[in-house]
PDB file of all heavy atoms in Angstrom:
ATOM      1  N   LYS A   1     -11.663  14.172 -13.536  1.00  0.00           N
ATOM      2  CA  LYS A   1     -11.869  15.022 -14.710  1.00  0.00           C
ATOM      3  C   LYS A   1     -10.575  15.718 -15.118  1.00  0.00           C
ATOM      4  O   LYS A   1      -9.638  15.844 -14.327  1.00  0.00           O
ATOM      5  CB  LYS A   1     -12.922  16.109 -14.390  1.00  0.00           C
ATOM      6  CG  LYS A   1     -14.266  15.585 -13.980  1.00  0.00           C
ATOM      7  CD  LYS A   1     -14.987  15.017 -15.164  1.00  0.00           C
ATOM      8  CE  LYS A   1     -16.383  14.554 -14.789  1.00  0.00           C
ATOM      9  NZ  LYS A   1     -16.905  13.625 -15.739  1.00  0.00           N
ATOM     10  N   GLN A   2     -10.558  16.209 -16.322  1.00  0.00           N
ATOM     11  CA  GLN A   2      -9.443  17.011 -16.806  1.00  0.00           C
ATOM     12  C   GLN A   2      -9.161  18.126 -15.799  1.00  0.00           C
ATOM     13  O   GLN A   2     -10.075  18.789 -15.311  1.00  0.00           O
ATOM     14  CB  GLN A   2      -9.765  17.607 -18.170  1.00  0.00           C
ATOM     15  CG  GLN A   2      -8.661  18.483 -18.727  1.00  0.00           C
ATOM     16  CD  GLN A   2      -9.019  19.068 -20.088  1.00  0.00           C
ATOM     17  OE1 GLN A   2     -10.009  18.706 -20.699  1.00  0.00           O
ATOM     18  NE2 GLN A   2      -8.199  19.988 -20.547  1.00  0.00           N
ATOM     19  N   GLY A   3      -7.903  18.302 -15.472  1.00  0.00           N
ATOM     20  CA  GLY A   3      -7.494  19.352 -14.549  1.00  0.00           C
ATOM     21  C   GLY A   3      -7.397  18.909 -13.094  1.00  0.00           C
ATOM     22  O   GLY A   3      -6.774  19.586 -12.273  1.00  0.00           O
ATOM     23  N   ASP A   4      -8.024  17.777 -12.727  1.00  0.00           N
ATOM     24  CA  ASP A   4      -7.899  17.267 -11.357  1.00  0.00           C
ATOM     25  C   ASP A   4      -6.453  16.858 -11.087  1.00  0.00           C
ATOM     26  O   ASP A   4      -5.708  16.489 -12.018  1.00  0.00           O
ATOM     27  CB  ASP A   4      -8.775  16.021 -11.151  1.00  0.00           C
ATOM     28  CG  ASP A   4     -10.259  16.317 -11.093  1.00  0.00           C
ATOM     29  OD1 ASP A   4     -10.641  17.512 -11.072  1.00  0.00           O
ATOM     30  OD2 ASP A   4     -11.043  15.342 -11.093  1.00  0.00           O
ATOM     31  N   VAL A   5      -6.062  16.870  -9.835  1.00  0.00           N
ATOM     32  CA  VAL A   5      -4.735  16.365  -9.473  1.00  0.00           C
ATOM     33  C   VAL A   5      -4.710  14.871  -9.775  1.00  0.00           C
ATOM     34  O   VAL A   5      -5.548  14.106  -9.282  1.00  0.00           O
ATOM     35  CB  VAL A   5      -4.415  16.622  -7.983  1.00  0.00           C
ATOM     36  CG1 VAL A   5      -3.111  15.938  -7.589  1.00  0.00           C
ATOM     37  CG2 VAL A   5      -4.331  18.120  -7.707  1.00  0.00           C
ATOM     38  N   LEU A   6      -3.770  14.473 -10.604  1.00  0.00           N
ATOM     39  CA  LEU A   6      -3.621  13.074 -10.974  1.00  0.00           C
ATOM     40  C   LEU A   6      -2.540  12.415 -10.125  1.00  0.00           C
ATOM     41  O   LEU A   6      -2.763  11.370  -9.521  1.00  0.00           O
ATOM     42  CB  LEU A   6      -3.285  12.949 -12.464  1.00  0.00           C
ATOM     43  CG  LEU A   6      -3.124  11.532 -12.997  1.00  0.00           C
ATOM     44  CD1 LEU A   6      -4.406  10.730 -12.831  1.00  0.00           C
ATOM     45  CD2 LEU A   6      -2.707  11.578 -14.470  1.00  0.00           C
ATOM     46  N   THR A   7      -1.352  13.043 -10.086  1.00  0.00           N
ATOM     47  CA  THR A   7      -0.249  12.496  -9.290  1.00  0.00           C
ATOM     48  C   THR A   7       0.480  13.609  -8.554  1.00  0.00           C
ATOM     49  O   THR A   7       0.460  14.775  -8.972  1.00  0.00           O
ATOM     50  CB  THR A   7       0.770  11.725 -10.166  1.00  0.00           C
ATOM     51  OG1 THR A   7       1.303  12.603 -11.149  1.00  0.00           O
ATOM     52  CG2 THR A   7       0.141  10.505 -10.826  1.00  0.00           C
ATOM     53  N   VAL A   8       1.123  13.217  -7.458  1.00  0.00           N
ATOM     54  CA  VAL A   8       1.914  14.133  -6.646  1.00  0.00           C
ATOM     55  C   VAL A   8       3.235  13.447  -6.329  1.00  0.00           C
ATOM     56  O   VAL A   8       3.241  12.315  -5.823  1.00  0.00           O
ATOM     57  CB  VAL A   8       1.197  14.474  -5.320  1.00  0.00           C
ATOM     58  CG1 VAL A   8       2.038  15.417  -4.483  1.00  0.00           C
ATOM     59  CG2 VAL A   8      -0.181  15.053  -5.571  1.00  0.00           C
ATOM     60  N   LEU A   9       4.333  14.105  -6.648  1.00  0.00           N
ATOM     61  CA  LEU A   9       5.641  13.591  -6.249  1.00  0.00           C
ATOM     62  C   LEU A   9       5.959  14.128  -4.862  1.00  0.00           C
ATOM     63  O   LEU A   9       5.790  15.320  -4.599  1.00  0.00           O
ATOM     64  CB  LEU A   9       6.719  14.023  -7.237  1.00  0.00           C
ATOM     65  CG  LEU A   9       6.534  13.577  -8.687  1.00  0.00           C
ATOM     66  CD1 LEU A   9       7.677  14.109  -9.550  1.00  0.00           C
ATOM     67  CD2 LEU A   9       6.433  12.070  -8.790  1.00  0.00           C
ATOM     68  N   PHE A  10       6.403  13.247  -3.968  1.00  0.00           N
ATOM     69  CA  PHE A  10       6.760  13.683  -2.620  1.00  0.00           C
ATOM     70  C   PHE A  10       7.774  12.728  -2.020  1.00  0.00           C
ATOM     71  O   PHE A  10       8.007  11.641  -2.557  1.00  0.00           O
ATOM     72  CB  PHE A  10       5.523  13.823  -1.731  1.00  0.00           C
ATOM     73  CG  PHE A  10       4.717  12.567  -1.506  1.00  0.00           C
ATOM     74  CD1 PHE A  10       4.877  11.818  -0.345  1.00  0.00           C
ATOM     75  CD2 PHE A  10       3.772  12.153  -2.429  1.00  0.00           C
ATOM     76  CE1 PHE A  10       4.125  10.678  -0.120  1.00  0.00           C
ATOM     77  CE2 PHE A  10       3.014  11.017  -2.216  1.00  0.00           C
ATOM     78  CZ  PHE A  10       3.187  10.270  -1.058  1.00  0.00           C
ATOM     79  N   THR A  11       8.387  13.143  -0.940  1.00  0.00           N
ATOM     80  CA  THR A  11       9.276  12.274  -0.184  1.00  0.00           C
ATOM     81  C   THR A  11       8.754  12.178   1.243  1.00  0.00           C
ATOM     82  O   THR A  11       8.198  13.127   1.786  1.00  0.00           O
ATOM     83  CB  THR A  11      10.728  12.786  -0.161  1.00  0.00           C
ATOM     84  OG1 THR A  11      10.727  14.109   0.381  1.00  0.00           O
ATOM     85  CG2 THR A  11      11.350  12.800  -1.541  1.00  0.00           C
ATOM     86  N   VAL A  12       8.935  11.014   1.830  1.00  0.00           N
ATOM     87  CA  VAL A  12       8.618  10.765   3.229  1.00  0.00           C
ATOM     88  C   VAL A  12       9.885  10.206   3.862  1.00  0.00           C
ATOM     89  O   VAL A  12      10.355   9.139   3.454  1.00  0.00           O
ATOM     90  CB  VAL A  12       7.465   9.755   3.390  1.00  0.00           C
ATOM     91  CG1 VAL A  12       7.227   9.436   4.861  1.00  0.00           C
ATOM     92  CG2 VAL A  12       6.201  10.272   2.756  1.00  0.00           C
ATOM     93  N   LEU A  13      10.459  10.963   4.800  1.00  0.00           N
ATOM     94  CA  LEU A  13      11.688  10.536   5.464  1.00  0.00           C
ATOM     95  C   LEU A  13      12.769  10.180   4.444  1.00  0.00           C
ATOM     96  O   LEU A  13      13.498   9.212   4.600  1.00  0.00           O
ATOM     97  CB  LEU A  13      11.400   9.365   6.404  1.00  0.00           C
ATOM     98  CG  LEU A  13      10.478   9.707   7.568  1.00  0.00           C
ATOM     99  CD1 LEU A  13       9.794   8.473   8.115  1.00  0.00           C
ATOM    100  CD2 LEU A  13      11.250  10.419   8.664  1.00  0.00           C
ATOM    101  N   GLY A  14      12.827  10.954   3.366  1.00  0.00           N
ATOM    102  CA  GLY A  14      13.833  10.748   2.333  1.00  0.00           C
ATOM    103  C   GLY A  14      13.480   9.698   1.290  1.00  0.00           C
ATOM    104  O   GLY A  14      14.229   9.487   0.347  1.00  0.00           O
ATOM    105  N   ILE A  15      12.343   9.028   1.443  1.00  0.00           N
ATOM    106  CA  ILE A  15      11.935   7.979   0.503  1.00  0.00           C
ATOM    107  C   ILE A  15      11.072   8.601  -0.596  1.00  0.00           C
ATOM    108  O   ILE A  15      10.035   9.205  -0.309  1.00  0.00           O
ATOM    109  CB  ILE A  15      11.138   6.874   1.223  1.00  0.00           C
ATOM    110  CG1 ILE A  15      11.996   6.224   2.302  1.00  0.00           C
ATOM    111  CG2 ILE A  15      10.618   5.838   0.227  1.00  0.00           C
ATOM    112  CD1 ILE A  15      11.231   5.291   3.219  1.00  0.00           C
ATOM    113  N   PRO A  16      11.479   8.452  -1.862  1.00  0.00           N
ATOM    114  CA  PRO A  16      10.680   9.030  -2.943  1.00  0.00           C
ATOM    115  C   PRO A  16       9.370   8.268  -3.144  1.00  0.00           C
ATOM    116  O   PRO A  16       9.345   7.040  -3.160  1.00  0.00           O
ATOM    117  CB  PRO A  16      11.587   8.908  -4.164  1.00  0.00           C
ATOM    118  CG  PRO A  16      12.572   7.845  -3.836  1.00  0.00           C
ATOM    119  CD  PRO A  16      12.695   7.805  -2.348  1.00  0.00           C
ATOM    120  N   CYS A  17       8.290   9.030  -3.251  1.00  0.00           N
ATOM    121  CA  CYS A  17       6.954   8.450  -3.441  1.00  0.00           C
ATOM    122  C   CYS A  17       6.223   9.229  -4.526  1.00  0.00           C
ATOM    123  O   CYS A  17       6.549  10.373  -4.828  1.00  0.00           O
ATOM    124  CB  CYS A  17       6.144   8.549  -2.154  1.00  0.00           C
ATOM    125  SG  CYS A  17       6.843   7.694  -0.739  1.00  0.00           S
ATOM    126  N   ILE A  18       5.228   8.586  -5.073  1.00  0.00           N
ATOM    127  CA  ILE A  18       4.289   9.253  -5.953  1.00  0.00           C
ATOM    128  C   ILE A  18       2.893   8.890  -5.462  1.00  0.00           C
ATOM    129  O   ILE A  18       2.595   7.722  -5.214  1.00  0.00           O
ATOM    130  CB  ILE A  18       4.493   8.872  -7.446  1.00  0.00           C
ATOM    131  CG1 ILE A  18       3.564   9.679  -8.337  1.00  0.00           C
ATOM    132  CG2 ILE A  18       4.345   7.387  -7.668  1.00  0.00           C
ATOM    133  CD1 ILE A  18       3.899   9.575  -9.824  1.00  0.00           C
ATOM    134  N   GLY A  19       2.077   9.890  -5.251  1.00  0.00           N
ATOM    135  CA  GLY A  19       0.690   9.665  -4.875  1.00  0.00           C
ATOM    136  C   GLY A  19      -0.150   9.690  -6.125  1.00  0.00           C
ATOM    137  O   GLY A  19      -0.103  10.652  -6.895  1.00  0.00           O
ATOM    138  N   LEU A  20      -0.904   8.648  -6.356  1.00  0.00           N
ATOM    139  CA  LEU A  20      -1.750   8.523  -7.534  1.00  0.00           C
ATOM    140  C   LEU A  20      -3.209   8.594  -7.106  1.00  0.00           C
ATOM    141  O   LEU A  20      -3.652   7.792  -6.278  1.00  0.00           O
ATOM    142  CB  LEU A  20      -1.496   7.184  -8.234  1.00  0.00           C
ATOM    143  CG  LEU A  20      -2.477   6.776  -9.331  1.00  0.00           C
ATOM    144  CD1 LEU A  20      -2.403   7.736 -10.511  1.00  0.00           C
ATOM    145  CD2 LEU A  20      -2.217   5.351  -9.775  1.00  0.00           C
ATOM    146  N   ASN A  21      -3.939   9.545  -7.620  1.00  0.00           N
ATOM    147  CA  ASN A  21      -5.378   9.638  -7.358  1.00  0.00           C
ATOM    148  C   ASN A  21      -6.102   8.689  -8.302  1.00  0.00           C
ATOM    149  O   ASN A  21      -6.644   9.084  -9.325  1.00  0.00           O
ATOM    150  CB  ASN A  21      -5.866  11.079  -7.523  1.00  0.00           C
ATOM    151  CG  ASN A  21      -5.535  11.915  -6.315  1.00  0.00           C
ATOM    152  OD1 ASN A  21      -5.485  11.424  -5.197  1.00  0.00           O
ATOM    153  ND2 ASN A  21      -5.303  13.203  -6.542  1.00  0.00           N
ATOM    154  N   GLY A  22      -6.071   7.419  -7.949  1.00  0.00           N
ATOM    155  CA  GLY A  22      -6.611   6.383  -8.816  1.00  0.00           C
ATOM    156  C   GLY A  22      -8.057   6.032  -8.578  1.00  0.00           C
ATOM    157  O   GLY A  22      -8.607   5.207  -9.289  1.00  0.00           O
ATOM    158  N   GLY A  23      -8.663   6.601  -7.534  1.00  0.00           N
ATOM    159  CA  GLY A  23     -10.063   6.310  -7.263  1.00  0.00           C
ATOM    160  C   GLY A  23     -10.233   5.291  -6.150  1.00  0.00           C
ATOM    161  O   GLY A  23      -9.281   4.902  -5.483  1.00  0.00           O
ATOM    162  N   PRO A  24     -11.467   4.841  -5.952  1.00  0.00           N
ATOM    163  CA  PRO A  24     -11.794   3.986  -4.812  1.00  0.00           C
ATOM    164  C   PRO A  24     -11.524   2.495  -5.001  1.00  0.00           C
ATOM    165  O   PRO A  24     -11.755   1.705  -4.080  1.00  0.00           O
ATOM    166  CB  PRO A  24     -13.290   4.237  -4.620  1.00  0.00           C
ATOM    167  CG  PRO A  24     -13.777   4.505  -6.009  1.00  0.00           C
ATOM    168  CD  PRO A  24     -12.655   5.284  -6.672  1.00  0.00           C
ATOM    169  N   ALA A  25     -11.026   2.078  -6.147  1.00  0.00           N
ATOM    170  CA  ALA A  25     -10.921   0.645  -6.441  1.00  0.00           C
ATOM    171  C   ALA A  25      -9.971  -0.111  -5.521  1.00  0.00           C
ATOM    172  O   ALA A  25     -10.225  -1.265  -5.182  1.00  0.00           O
ATOM    173  CB  ALA A  25     -10.489   0.447  -7.904  1.00  0.00           C
ATOM    174  N   PHE A  26      -8.874   0.505  -5.088  1.00  0.00           N
ATOM    175  CA  PHE A  26      -7.876  -0.194  -4.284  1.00  0.00           C
ATOM    176  C   PHE A  26      -7.645   0.542  -2.981  1.00  0.00           C
ATOM    177  O   PHE A  26      -7.598   1.771  -2.952  1.00  0.00           O
ATOM    178  CB  PHE A  26      -6.558  -0.330  -5.049  1.00  0.00           C
ATOM    179  CG  PHE A  26      -6.695  -1.104  -6.328  1.00  0.00           C
ATOM    180  CD1 PHE A  26      -6.650  -0.458  -7.548  1.00  0.00           C
ATOM    181  CD2 PHE A  26      -6.900  -2.475  -6.313  1.00  0.00           C
ATOM    182  CE1 PHE A  26      -6.792  -1.154  -8.735  1.00  0.00           C
ATOM    183  CE2 PHE A  26      -7.043  -3.191  -7.492  1.00  0.00           C
ATOM    184  CZ  PHE A  26      -6.988  -2.530  -8.709  1.00  0.00           C
TER     185      PHE A  26
END
C-alpha cells in the first residue's frame, strides 16, 4: 500500500545493494 517501505538502500561488506519489497512472487 501507499506508504509501505518499497525499497531500502544498503551495503553488505561494502557491496551496494537495494532491497525491493516486491512480494511473494520470487
